[in-house]
Protein backbone atom coordinates (compact mmCIF):
# COMPACT_ATOMS: atom_id res chain seq x y z
CA MET A 1 -47.03 37.62 -15.28
CA THR A 2 -45.83 41.17 -15.96
CA GLY A 3 -42.34 41.98 -17.17
CA LYS A 4 -41.36 43.43 -13.78
CA LYS A 5 -42.49 40.27 -11.99
CA VAL A 6 -40.54 38.07 -14.38
CA ILE A 7 -37.38 40.11 -13.74
CA THR A 8 -37.98 40.00 -9.96
CA VAL A 9 -38.38 36.21 -9.95
CA PHE A 10 -35.29 35.84 -12.10
CA LEU A 11 -33.23 37.98 -9.75
CA LEU A 12 -34.50 36.06 -6.72
CA ILE A 13 -33.49 32.76 -8.33
CA CYS A 14 -30.04 34.11 -9.15
CA GLY A 15 -29.66 35.43 -5.63
CA PHE A 16 -30.63 32.06 -4.18
CA LEU A 17 -28.05 30.29 -6.32
CA ARG A 18 -25.26 32.56 -5.17
CA LEU A 19 -23.45 31.22 -2.09
CA SER A 20 -21.10 33.32 -0.06
CA GLY A 21 -17.61 31.78 0.02
CA GLN A 22 -18.60 28.90 -2.29
CA GLY A 23 -18.05 30.54 -5.66
CA ALA A 24 -20.66 31.98 -7.98
CA TYR A 25 -23.17 29.14 -7.93
CA LEU A 26 -24.28 26.13 -5.96
CA PRO A 27 -21.61 23.46 -5.59
CA PRO A 28 -21.70 20.64 -8.16
CA ASP A 29 -23.41 17.32 -7.47
CA LYS A 30 -20.04 15.78 -6.57
CA PRO A 31 -16.65 17.35 -5.88
CA ALA A 32 -14.37 17.55 -8.90
CA LEU A 33 -11.28 16.83 -6.83
CA ILE A 34 -10.90 15.18 -3.42
CA ILE A 35 -7.65 15.93 -1.62
CA GLY A 36 -6.58 13.82 1.34
CA ILE A 37 -3.88 15.58 3.38
CA VAL A 38 -2.38 13.14 5.89
CA VAL A 39 0.43 14.33 8.15
CA GLU A 40 2.60 11.78 9.88
CA GLN A 41 3.08 12.33 13.63
CA LEU A 42 0.78 15.27 14.34
CA ARG A 43 -1.10 15.16 17.63
CA PHE A 44 -4.43 16.89 18.09
CA ASP A 45 -3.08 19.11 20.86
CA GLN A 46 -0.28 20.39 18.62
CA ILE A 47 -2.85 22.05 16.35
CA GLU A 48 -4.40 23.74 19.37
CA LYS A 49 -0.99 24.69 20.73
CA PHE A 50 0.03 26.58 17.59
CA ARG A 51 -3.41 27.69 16.44
CA ASP A 52 -2.86 31.40 17.16
CA ARG A 53 0.50 31.28 15.36
CA LEU A 54 -0.80 29.64 12.19
CA SER A 55 -1.35 31.55 8.97
CA GLU A 56 -4.82 32.93 8.29
CA ASN A 57 -4.91 31.05 4.98
CA GLY A 58 -3.37 27.74 6.01
CA ILE A 59 -4.59 25.18 8.53
CA ARG A 60 -6.51 27.89 10.38
CA LYS A 61 -8.48 28.59 7.20
CA LEU A 62 -9.49 24.92 7.07
CA ILE A 63 -10.62 25.13 10.70
CA ASN A 64 -12.44 28.46 10.43
CA GLU A 65 -14.25 27.65 7.18
CA GLY A 66 -14.68 23.90 7.55
CA THR A 67 -15.91 21.22 9.93
CA PHE A 68 -13.44 20.47 12.72
CA PHE A 69 -13.79 17.09 14.46
CA ARG A 70 -12.01 17.57 17.78
CA ASN A 71 -12.32 13.98 19.05
CA ALA A 72 -11.09 11.74 16.23
CA SER A 73 -8.98 8.71 17.19
CA PHE A 74 -7.55 5.45 15.95
CA ASP A 75 -9.06 2.49 17.77
CA TYR A 76 -6.29 -0.10 17.66
CA MET A 77 -3.19 -0.89 19.69
CA LEU A 78 -0.15 -0.41 17.43
CA THR A 79 -0.44 3.20 16.26
CA GLN A 80 2.28 3.08 13.63
CA SER A 81 2.54 4.82 10.29
CA ALA A 82 1.56 2.09 7.81
CA PRO A 83 -1.54 0.95 9.78
CA GLY A 84 -2.60 4.61 10.06
CA PHE A 85 -2.50 5.33 6.33
CA SER A 86 -4.18 1.98 5.60
CA THR A 87 -6.99 2.52 8.11
CA ILE A 88 -7.77 5.97 6.70
CA SER A 89 -7.91 4.70 3.11
CA THR A 90 -9.82 1.43 3.70
CA GLY A 91 -12.18 2.53 6.46
CA THR A 92 -11.46 -0.52 8.58
CA GLU A 93 -9.18 -1.78 11.34
CA PRO A 94 -5.78 -3.49 10.80
CA SER A 95 -7.32 -6.87 11.64
CA TYR A 96 -9.26 -6.60 8.35
CA HIS A 97 -7.00 -4.62 6.01
CA GLY A 98 -3.99 -6.68 7.11
CA ILE A 99 -1.42 -3.95 7.72
CA THR A 100 -1.06 -4.71 11.41
CA SER A 101 2.31 -2.98 11.72
CA ASP A 102 5.09 -1.49 9.60
CA SER A 103 6.80 -4.89 9.51
CA TRP A 104 5.99 -8.43 10.61
CA TYR A 105 7.53 -11.88 10.77
CA LEU A 106 6.61 -14.72 8.39
CA PRO A 107 7.32 -18.06 10.09
CA LEU A 108 7.26 -20.12 6.89
CA LYS A 109 9.90 -17.92 5.24
CA ASN A 110 11.75 -17.21 8.47
CA GLU A 111 12.06 -13.52 7.62
CA PHE A 112 10.72 -10.14 8.62
CA ILE A 113 8.60 -8.49 5.94
CA TYR A 114 8.33 -4.77 5.34
CA CYS A 115 4.69 -3.85 4.73
CA THR A 116 5.00 -2.81 1.05
CA LYS A 117 7.95 -4.98 0.01
CA ASP A 118 7.28 -6.80 -3.27
CA VAL A 119 10.16 -8.42 -5.17
CA SER A 120 7.85 -9.26 -8.09
CA VAL A 121 7.77 -5.63 -9.26
CA ASN A 122 10.50 -3.47 -10.73
CA PRO A 123 11.56 0.08 -9.90
CA VAL A 124 10.39 2.87 -12.17
CA GLY A 125 12.93 5.66 -11.87
CA GLY A 126 15.15 5.94 -8.83
CA SER A 127 17.29 3.14 -7.40
CA TYR A 128 16.59 -0.60 -7.46
CA GLU A 129 15.84 -1.42 -3.82
CA SER A 130 13.71 1.69 -3.38
CA GLY A 131 11.36 0.55 -6.14
CA LEU A 132 10.47 -2.95 -4.90
CA HIS A 133 7.16 -1.88 -3.41
CA SER A 134 3.44 -2.33 -4.06
CA PRO A 135 0.11 -2.70 -2.18
CA VAL A 136 0.41 -6.49 -2.38
CA ASN A 137 -0.06 -6.91 1.39
CA LEU A 138 -3.11 -4.65 1.67
CA ASN A 139 -6.04 -7.08 1.95
CA ALA A 140 -8.92 -4.62 1.50
CA SER A 141 -10.02 -2.11 -1.13
CA THR A 142 -9.62 1.60 -0.52
CA PHE A 143 -12.01 4.48 -1.13
CA ALA A 144 -9.93 5.38 -4.18
CA ASP A 145 -10.27 1.82 -5.51
CA GLU A 146 -14.04 1.96 -5.21
CA LEU A 147 -14.08 5.39 -6.85
CA LYS A 148 -12.18 3.97 -9.81
CA ILE A 149 -14.62 1.10 -10.18
CA ALA A 150 -17.77 3.22 -9.72
CA THR A 151 -16.73 5.70 -12.43
CA GLY A 152 -15.70 3.08 -14.95
CA LYS A 153 -12.05 3.99 -14.37
CA LYS A 154 -12.72 7.60 -15.43
CA SER A 155 -11.63 9.02 -12.08
CA LYS A 156 -7.95 9.85 -11.85
CA VAL A 157 -6.31 8.57 -8.66
CA PHE A 158 -2.84 9.49 -7.42
CA ALA A 159 -0.86 9.68 -4.19
CA VAL A 160 2.46 11.24 -3.29
CA GLY A 161 4.61 11.02 -0.17
CA ILE A 162 8.20 10.96 0.98
CA LYS A 163 7.62 7.43 2.33
CA GLU A 164 6.64 4.69 -0.10
CA HIS A 165 4.10 3.02 2.20
CA ALA A 166 2.32 6.33 2.81
CA ALA A 167 1.77 6.89 -0.90
CA ILE A 168 1.03 3.25 -1.74
CA PHE A 169 -1.54 2.58 0.99
CA SER A 170 -3.24 5.91 0.31
CA ALA A 171 -3.41 5.25 -3.44
CA GLY A 172 -4.62 1.67 -3.15
CA HIS A 173 -4.63 -1.08 -5.75
CA ALA A 174 -6.25 0.57 -8.77
CA ALA A 175 -4.53 3.97 -8.77
CA ASP A 176 -3.08 5.66 -11.82
CA GLY A 177 0.08 6.34 -9.87
CA ALA A 178 1.80 6.41 -6.50
CA PHE A 179 5.03 8.38 -6.20
CA TRP A 180 7.59 8.41 -3.41
CA TYR A 181 11.02 9.90 -2.71
CA ASP A 182 14.14 7.87 -3.41
CA ASN A 183 16.68 8.49 -0.66
CA THR A 184 19.55 7.33 -2.86
CA THR A 185 19.02 9.53 -5.93
CA GLY A 186 16.98 12.38 -4.48
CA THR A 187 14.27 11.90 -7.11
CA TRP A 188 10.61 10.92 -7.29
CA MET A 189 9.94 7.35 -8.34
CA SER A 190 7.33 4.58 -8.50
CA SER A 191 7.20 0.87 -9.31
CA SER A 192 6.06 -1.25 -12.23
CA TYR A 193 2.94 -2.14 -10.26
CA TYR A 194 1.57 1.30 -11.20
CA MET A 195 3.32 2.23 -14.45
CA LYS A 196 5.94 1.22 -17.00
CA ASP A 197 7.68 4.58 -17.12
CA LEU A 198 7.57 7.82 -15.20
CA PRO A 199 5.44 10.50 -16.87
CA PRO A 200 7.59 13.01 -18.79
CA TRP A 201 6.69 15.80 -16.39
CA VAL A 202 8.08 13.76 -13.46
CA ASN A 203 11.33 13.23 -15.34
CA ASP A 204 11.47 16.95 -16.05
CA LEU A 205 10.91 17.73 -12.37
CA ASN A 206 13.58 15.24 -11.32
CA ALA A 207 16.02 16.82 -13.79
CA MET A 208 15.70 20.15 -11.95
CA LYS A 209 17.39 18.58 -8.88
CA TYR A 210 15.41 20.53 -6.30
CA PRO A 211 16.71 18.40 -3.38
CA GLU A 212 20.20 19.69 -4.15
CA THR A 213 18.87 23.23 -3.72
CA TYR A 214 16.95 22.41 -0.54
CA LEU A 215 19.97 20.65 0.98
CA SER A 216 22.36 23.49 0.12
CA THR A 217 20.69 25.83 2.54
CA THR A 218 20.44 26.54 6.27
CA TRP A 219 17.45 25.69 8.43
CA ASN A 220 16.61 28.87 10.33
CA LEU A 221 13.53 29.68 12.38
CA LEU A 222 10.57 30.71 10.23
CA LYS A 223 9.35 33.24 12.80
CA GLN A 224 10.69 35.30 15.68
CA ALA A 225 12.02 33.46 18.72
CA ALA A 226 9.10 34.73 20.82
CA ASP A 227 6.70 32.70 18.67
CA TYR A 228 8.30 29.52 20.03
CA SER A 229 7.96 30.42 23.70
CA ILE A 230 5.41 27.61 24.09
CA CYS A 231 8.13 25.07 23.22
CA LEU A 232 11.01 23.73 25.27
CA PRO A 233 14.15 25.91 25.26
CA ASP A 234 15.92 25.63 21.92
CA SER A 235 19.00 24.10 23.49
CA ASN A 236 18.25 21.50 26.16
CA LYS A 237 19.48 18.18 27.50
CA PHE A 238 16.58 16.07 26.23
CA GLU A 239 16.87 16.14 22.43
CA ALA A 240 19.05 13.92 20.22
CA GLY A 241 19.72 16.57 17.58
CA PHE A 242 21.89 16.27 14.48
CA SER A 243 25.39 14.97 15.22
CA GLY A 244 25.08 16.24 18.78
CA ARG A 245 23.76 19.70 17.83
CA ASN A 246 20.21 20.47 18.98
CA TYR A 247 19.73 24.21 18.48
CA PHE A 248 19.22 26.60 15.57
CA PRO A 249 20.50 27.35 13.00
CA TYR A 250 21.29 24.05 11.26
CA ASP A 251 23.74 23.97 8.37
CA ILE A 252 21.84 21.53 6.16
CA ASN A 253 24.52 21.69 3.49
CA LYS A 254 27.14 20.45 5.94
CA LEU A 255 24.89 17.92 7.65
CA SER A 256 23.91 16.31 4.33
CA LYS A 257 27.61 15.95 3.41
CA PRO A 258 28.99 14.43 6.61
CA ALA A 259 32.28 13.30 5.06
CA GLY A 260 33.28 16.75 3.83
CA ARG A 261 32.59 19.45 1.28
CA ASN A 262 33.46 17.32 -1.74
CA SER A 263 31.68 14.19 -0.58
CA ALA A 264 28.49 12.80 -2.12
CA ARG A 265 25.23 14.34 -0.99
CA ASN A 266 23.14 12.31 1.46
CA PHE A 267 19.74 12.87 -0.13
CA ALA A 268 18.03 10.90 2.65
CA PHE A 269 18.70 13.85 4.95
CA LEU A 270 15.96 15.84 3.18
CA ARG A 271 13.43 13.74 5.14
CA GLU A 272 14.86 15.05 8.42
CA THR A 273 14.06 18.66 7.54
CA PRO A 274 10.85 20.62 6.85
CA PHE A 275 12.04 20.98 3.26
CA GLY A 276 10.87 17.43 2.63
CA ASP A 277 7.31 18.70 3.10
CA ALA A 278 8.00 21.65 0.80
CA PHE A 279 9.28 19.29 -1.90
CA THR A 280 6.15 17.15 -1.47
CA THR A 281 3.93 20.22 -1.92
CA ASP A 282 5.83 21.25 -5.07
CA PHE A 283 5.30 17.79 -6.53
CA ALA A 284 1.60 17.64 -5.59
CA ILE A 285 0.81 20.96 -7.28
CA ARG A 286 2.76 19.94 -10.36
CA LEU A 287 0.83 16.65 -10.44
CA ILE A 288 -2.54 18.42 -10.25
CA GLU A 289 -1.52 20.64 -13.16
CA LYS A 290 0.07 18.06 -15.43
CA GLU A 291 -2.53 15.32 -14.86
CA SER A 292 -5.43 17.85 -15.15
CA LEU A 293 -7.06 16.78 -11.91
CA GLY A 294 -10.45 18.26 -11.06
CA ARG A 295 -11.09 19.52 -14.59
CA ASP A 296 -14.31 17.66 -15.38
CA ASP A 297 -17.47 16.39 -13.66
CA VAL A 298 -15.93 13.02 -12.70
CA PRO A 299 -14.38 13.14 -9.20
CA ASP A 300 -10.61 12.71 -9.03
CA PHE A 301 -8.60 11.82 -5.93
CA LEU A 302 -5.16 12.84 -4.70
CA SER A 303 -3.58 11.90 -1.38
CA ILE A 304 -0.72 14.10 -0.17
CA CYS A 305 1.32 12.50 2.61
CA TYR A 306 3.62 14.67 4.72
CA SER A 307 6.31 12.88 6.76
CA SER A 308 8.95 15.43 7.81
CA THR A 309 7.18 15.98 11.14
CA ASP A 310 7.67 12.27 11.89
CA TYR A 311 11.42 12.28 11.37
CA ILE A 312 11.86 15.56 13.25
CA GLY A 313 9.57 14.48 16.09
CA HIS A 314 11.48 11.24 16.70
CA ARG A 315 14.75 13.14 16.88
CA PHE A 316 13.67 16.24 18.82
CA GLY A 317 10.35 15.39 20.50
CA PRO A 318 6.86 16.94 20.17
CA SER A 319 7.58 19.97 22.40
CA SER A 320 10.79 21.05 20.69
CA VAL A 321 11.36 24.28 18.81
CA GLU A 322 12.32 22.14 15.81
CA THR A 323 8.94 20.36 15.76
CA GLY A 324 7.19 23.69 16.30
CA ASP A 325 9.01 25.21 13.34
CA ALA A 326 8.21 22.13 11.22
CA ILE A 327 4.50 22.57 12.01
CA LEU A 328 4.59 26.28 11.17
CA ARG A 329 6.37 25.52 7.89
CA LEU A 330 3.87 22.74 7.16
CA ASP A 331 1.16 25.35 7.66
CA LYS A 332 2.79 27.52 4.97
CA ASN A 333 2.75 24.53 2.63
CA ILE A 334 -0.95 24.01 3.31
CA GLU A 335 -1.52 27.71 2.60
CA THR A 336 0.29 27.39 -0.74
CA LEU A 337 -1.73 24.30 -1.64
CA VAL A 338 -5.13 25.67 -0.60
CA ASN A 339 -4.52 28.98 -2.38
CA TYR A 340 -3.62 27.11 -5.54
CA LEU A 341 -6.71 24.90 -5.35
CA ASN A 342 -9.09 27.78 -4.64
CA ASP A 343 -7.60 29.94 -7.40
CA ASN A 344 -7.41 27.26 -10.09
CA ILE A 345 -10.22 24.80 -9.33
CA GLY A 346 -12.46 26.66 -6.91
CA LYS A 347 -13.49 25.96 -3.34
CA ARG A 348 -16.92 24.70 -4.39
CA ASN A 349 -15.26 22.05 -6.60
CA ILE A 350 -12.79 20.63 -4.07
CA LEU A 351 -13.22 18.52 -0.95
CA ILE A 352 -10.28 18.40 1.45
CA TYR A 353 -9.81 16.30 4.54
CA PHE A 354 -6.82 17.07 6.75
CA THR A 355 -5.69 14.58 9.39
CA SER A 356 -2.76 12.61 10.79
CA ALA A 357 -1.60 8.98 10.68
CA HIS A 358 -0.70 8.94 14.41
CA GLY A 359 0.56 11.05 17.29
CA VAL A 360 3.66 10.65 19.48
CA SER A 361 4.69 10.40 23.11
CA GLU A 362 6.47 13.17 24.93
CA ILE A 363 10.16 12.50 25.53
CA PRO A 364 10.26 10.32 28.69
CA ALA A 365 13.07 12.42 30.16
CA VAL A 366 10.92 15.55 29.81
CA MET A 367 8.13 13.81 31.72
CA GLN A 368 10.54 12.59 34.40
CA ASP A 369 11.92 16.10 34.78
CA THR A 370 8.39 17.16 35.79
CA ARG A 371 8.13 14.15 38.15
CA ILE A 372 5.59 12.41 35.90
CA PRO A 373 6.13 8.62 35.61
CA ALA A 374 7.77 7.72 32.29
CA GLY A 375 10.74 5.83 30.93
CA TYR A 376 12.33 3.66 28.26
CA PHE A 377 11.60 -0.03 27.80
CA MET A 378 14.90 -1.78 27.07
CA GLN A 379 13.63 -4.35 24.62
CA ASN A 380 17.07 -5.76 23.78
CA GLN A 381 17.80 -6.53 27.41
CA ALA A 382 14.32 -7.97 27.87
CA LEU A 383 14.77 -10.19 24.80
CA GLN A 384 18.12 -11.48 26.04
CA LEU A 385 16.68 -12.39 29.43
CA LEU A 386 13.62 -13.97 27.81
CA ARG A 387 15.84 -16.24 25.72
CA SER A 388 17.73 -17.31 28.82
CA TYR A 389 14.47 -17.99 30.64
CA LEU A 390 13.03 -20.12 27.83
CA ASN A 391 16.29 -22.05 27.56
CA ALA A 392 16.04 -22.83 31.26
CA VAL A 393 12.43 -23.99 30.93
CA TYR A 394 12.50 -25.86 27.59
CA GLY A 395 16.18 -26.58 27.01
CA GLU A 396 18.70 -24.95 24.69
CA GLY A 397 17.14 -23.66 21.50
CA ASP A 398 16.44 -20.62 19.36
CA TRP A 399 12.98 -20.21 20.83
CA VAL A 400 12.58 -16.50 19.99
CA ARG A 401 12.88 -15.13 16.47
CA GLY A 402 12.78 -11.52 17.56
CA PHE A 403 11.01 -8.50 19.01
CA SER A 404 9.41 -6.06 16.59
CA GLU A 405 6.69 -3.45 16.89
CA ARG A 406 5.86 -4.37 20.51
CA GLN A 407 5.45 -8.03 19.54
CA ILE A 408 7.39 -11.19 20.41
CA PHE A 409 7.73 -13.62 17.50
CA LEU A 410 8.48 -17.20 18.58
CA ASN A 411 10.14 -19.95 16.55
CA ARG A 412 7.02 -21.94 15.75
CA THR A 413 8.87 -24.57 13.71
CA LEU A 414 11.14 -25.41 16.63
CA ILE A 415 8.21 -25.37 19.05
CA GLU A 416 6.23 -27.79 16.88
CA ASP A 417 9.24 -30.08 16.46
CA ALA A 418 9.67 -30.12 20.24
CA ARG A 419 5.97 -30.93 20.59
CA ILE A 420 5.39 -28.05 22.97
CA PRO A 421 1.87 -26.61 22.94
CA ILE A 422 2.14 -23.14 21.44
CA GLU A 423 -0.32 -21.80 24.02
CA ASP A 424 1.96 -22.97 26.83
CA ILE A 425 5.06 -21.14 25.64
CA GLN A 426 3.06 -18.04 24.69
CA LYS A 427 1.58 -17.92 28.19
CA LYS A 428 4.97 -18.33 29.90
CA THR A 429 6.49 -15.67 27.65
CA ALA A 430 3.70 -13.21 28.46
CA ARG A 431 3.99 -13.81 32.20
CA PHE A 432 7.76 -13.37 32.10
CA LEU A 433 7.58 -10.05 30.24
CA THR A 434 5.15 -8.51 32.72
CA GLN A 435 7.95 -8.52 35.29
CA PHE A 436 9.92 -5.82 33.46
CA THR A 437 9.78 -2.20 34.54
CA GLY A 438 7.51 -0.13 32.31
CA VAL A 439 5.45 -3.08 31.05
CA ALA A 440 1.75 -2.61 31.73
CA SER A 441 0.72 -6.02 30.39
CA ALA A 442 1.66 -8.76 27.96
CA PHE A 443 -0.94 -10.88 26.18
CA PRO A 444 -0.58 -14.17 24.31
CA TYR A 445 -2.22 -13.72 20.94
CA TYR A 446 -4.03 -17.05 21.05
CA ALA A 447 -6.37 -15.42 23.57
CA PHE A 448 -7.70 -13.05 20.90
CA GLU A 449 -8.40 -15.50 18.09
CA ALA A 450 -12.01 -16.18 19.07
CA ASN A 451 -12.93 -13.56 21.64
CA ASP A 452 -14.69 -10.21 21.69
CA PHE A 453 -13.57 -8.08 24.61
CA GLY A 454 -15.88 -5.12 24.06
CA ASN A 455 -14.17 -1.78 24.52
CA GLY A 456 -10.87 -0.73 26.07
CA HIS A 457 -7.31 -1.79 25.35
CA LEU A 458 -8.20 -5.45 24.84
CA LYS A 459 -10.58 -4.45 22.07
CA ARG A 460 -7.81 -2.41 20.50
CA ILE A 461 -5.60 -5.49 20.48
CA VAL A 462 -8.38 -7.42 18.72
CA ASN A 463 -8.57 -4.63 16.13
CA ASN A 464 -4.84 -5.15 15.51
CA PHE A 465 -4.91 -8.95 15.42
CA SER A 466 -4.17 -10.99 12.30
CA PRO A 467 -3.47 -14.74 12.63
CA GLN A 468 -1.06 -14.60 9.68
CA ARG A 469 0.90 -11.48 10.68
CA SER A 470 0.60 -10.82 14.38
CA GLY A 471 3.23 -11.89 16.90
CA ASP A 472 2.81 -14.56 19.57
CA VAL A 473 2.77 -12.05 22.43
CA ILE A 474 1.94 -8.37 22.40
CA VAL A 475 3.43 -6.03 24.99
CA THR A 476 1.74 -2.88 26.24
CA LEU A 477 3.78 -0.32 28.13
CA ASN A 478 2.71 2.05 30.87
CA PRO A 479 1.64 5.56 29.85
CA GLY A 480 4.67 7.69 29.02
CA TRP A 481 6.92 4.71 28.33
CA VAL A 482 8.42 4.06 24.88
CA GLU A 483 10.79 1.54 23.36
CA LYS A 484 14.46 2.49 23.42
CA GLU A 485 15.79 3.11 19.90
CA SER A 486 19.35 4.15 19.16
CA ASP A 487 18.50 7.10 16.92
CA GLN A 488 15.21 8.19 18.51
CA ILE A 489 14.40 9.88 21.80
CA THR A 490 10.66 9.20 21.64
CA ASN A 491 8.18 7.08 19.73
CA HIS A 492 4.53 6.26 19.03
CA ASN A 493 2.95 2.81 19.03
CA SER A 494 0.47 2.75 21.89
CA PRO A 495 -3.30 3.04 22.43
CA TYR A 496 -2.91 6.09 24.66
CA GLU A 497 -4.34 9.53 23.92
CA TYR A 498 -1.06 11.08 22.80
CA ASP A 499 -0.63 8.42 20.08
CA SER A 500 -4.23 7.83 18.95
CA HIS A 501 -5.94 11.26 19.12
CA VAL A 502 -5.39 13.24 15.91
CA PRO A 503 -6.90 16.31 14.20
CA LEU A 504 -9.57 15.86 11.53
CA ILE A 505 -10.79 18.79 9.44
CA TRP A 506 -13.04 18.84 6.36
CA TYR A 507 -13.06 21.81 3.97
CA GLY A 508 -14.59 22.92 0.65
CA TRP A 509 -17.47 21.73 -1.55
CA THR A 510 -20.63 21.56 0.65
CA VAL A 511 -18.83 21.50 4.01
CA ASN A 512 -20.35 23.79 6.65
CA ARG A 513 -18.51 25.79 9.28
CA SER A 514 -18.84 23.86 12.52
CA THR A 515 -17.03 22.17 15.37
CA VAL A 516 -17.92 18.60 16.37
CA MET A 517 -17.08 17.26 19.83
CA ARG A 518 -18.40 13.69 19.60
CA LYS A 519 -15.96 10.80 19.32
CA VAL A 520 -15.32 9.46 15.82
CA ASN A 521 -13.20 6.55 14.64
CA MET A 522 -10.71 7.21 11.86
CA THR A 523 -12.39 4.37 9.94
CA ASP A 524 -15.26 6.83 9.40
CA ILE A 525 -13.31 8.87 6.83
CA ALA A 526 -13.60 6.34 3.99
CA ALA A 527 -17.25 5.65 4.79
CA THR A 528 -17.99 9.38 4.69
CA LEU A 529 -16.19 9.88 1.38
CA SER A 530 -18.06 6.96 -0.17
CA SER A 531 -21.41 8.28 1.03
CA LEU A 532 -20.70 11.80 -0.18
CA CYS A 533 -19.76 10.46 -3.62
CA ARG A 534 -22.61 7.92 -3.54
CA ILE A 535 -20.40 4.95 -4.33
CA PRO A 536 -19.94 1.58 -2.54
CA TYR A 537 -17.93 1.53 0.67
CA PRO A 538 -14.49 -0.13 0.58
CA ASN A 539 -15.12 -3.87 0.78
CA ALA A 540 -13.97 -4.32 4.41
CA CYS A 541 -15.20 -0.96 5.68
CA THR A 542 -16.40 -0.90 9.30
CA GLY A 543 -16.65 2.88 9.62
CA GLU A 544 -19.81 4.98 9.52
CA PRO A 545 -20.57 8.22 7.67
CA MET A 546 -20.23 11.42 9.68
CA PRO A 547 -23.75 12.92 9.61
CA GLU A 548 -22.46 16.43 10.29
CA LEU A 549 -21.20 16.60 6.70
CA PHE A 550 -24.60 15.81 5.17
CA ARG A 551 -26.62 18.70 6.57
């Protein structure tokens, strides 16, 4: 071969290796860093609604340069936060991973249990009560757990989120660290399940007291008022607002010191503002730097959990200017994060998935104002009448322990002592509840212990069922109906489209630019990650890899 031919072949090979938009060379065999971005309370339609108003380098960049799954949904009944994060990380339904709801009742202990509560661990940083948390109740392994095992513990695994259960269930059992925000001290903390002491860089960050800075400001609109024309009017009769105020601007400094200028700061208020997401982004970038994530050929994993949209959405509703501004500010945080990752690690070395833990219902009053059927289910009134009914049927007794997360929990000890068949009282309870306005159906849980109902809402109940943690009767409401809560004007927790349909976008590494319309289950995320990294699926995984990401 002549010298010219050798040079020509060499140039052709170099040209083949160069990929537009993917860095100088072909992507590595595996991504150096996997980033899971999970937003709490972000409906699919909200991304479409604000798409033209998003930054070119934020969420829209993920959409334009990645693979956008437009029909991704959760396939279980109780679309709450903790089950959402757990389903994404484990690749299976709540009936298998065990996090059937944010809280549940334990008959033997006669107490309600918060999903991550663990009195056997100690707080690391922060306040005492805020540190008694671990993944003790998560029954299945996560993708991050399997990554740790497959790499001989060489992979670094972390998660961060304002809420403890978001970080813990995303990190899993074998993580190097899970960090969450302490509402009492305004600092980042963890528990002894993950570490003995906070890393020095976390202590340094806490010492800077950023929440004090964030809470000393005013929440103004990020953009011009015209950019929010697709929202409800800024001041309207539907929203709860802050202390009766439901229009911009908001004096965060005053609102976070309700007792006066010299009173102690209410650091929990940071969650109610978009600045909670900004603080989360600051921490995530600092974590990537200080823990040297994505710096070698062993894949690392970081889950970033954003929750400000959840707090704001419950208070103002999904169509409010406040929620719109929170989404636009979230977009700026994503832009900051993606720019940092591309500049410091490189697009070809990172794999990002962006999604949500659940959606939310429109404010019932907004629906009613448009003559669409909707309303509030008065669970306290229903519970009071149910107790009276059961007393009339079975005699005086504390037959009902409580109503939580759309579930009725009966006093099984009393029922057994009275020698009443549990199926009988469950059936009567279910039939009684169906008489209330707004109730679509009520099912005794014994009916789901050994049955397969195929598809539809009954299947979604089965996917939520756990003999140890589920209530005796589950209540489903009509579309547009939500439970009445004192500090919330809307909620999520149903199988309907507005609660279950969420955005799902993949970006970076070998991801192609495409849009996918077929229906996918959110359990497919963990299966896809495991297949891409060529490691075992999480041990209870029921999801399937998304073939569009393997072309």
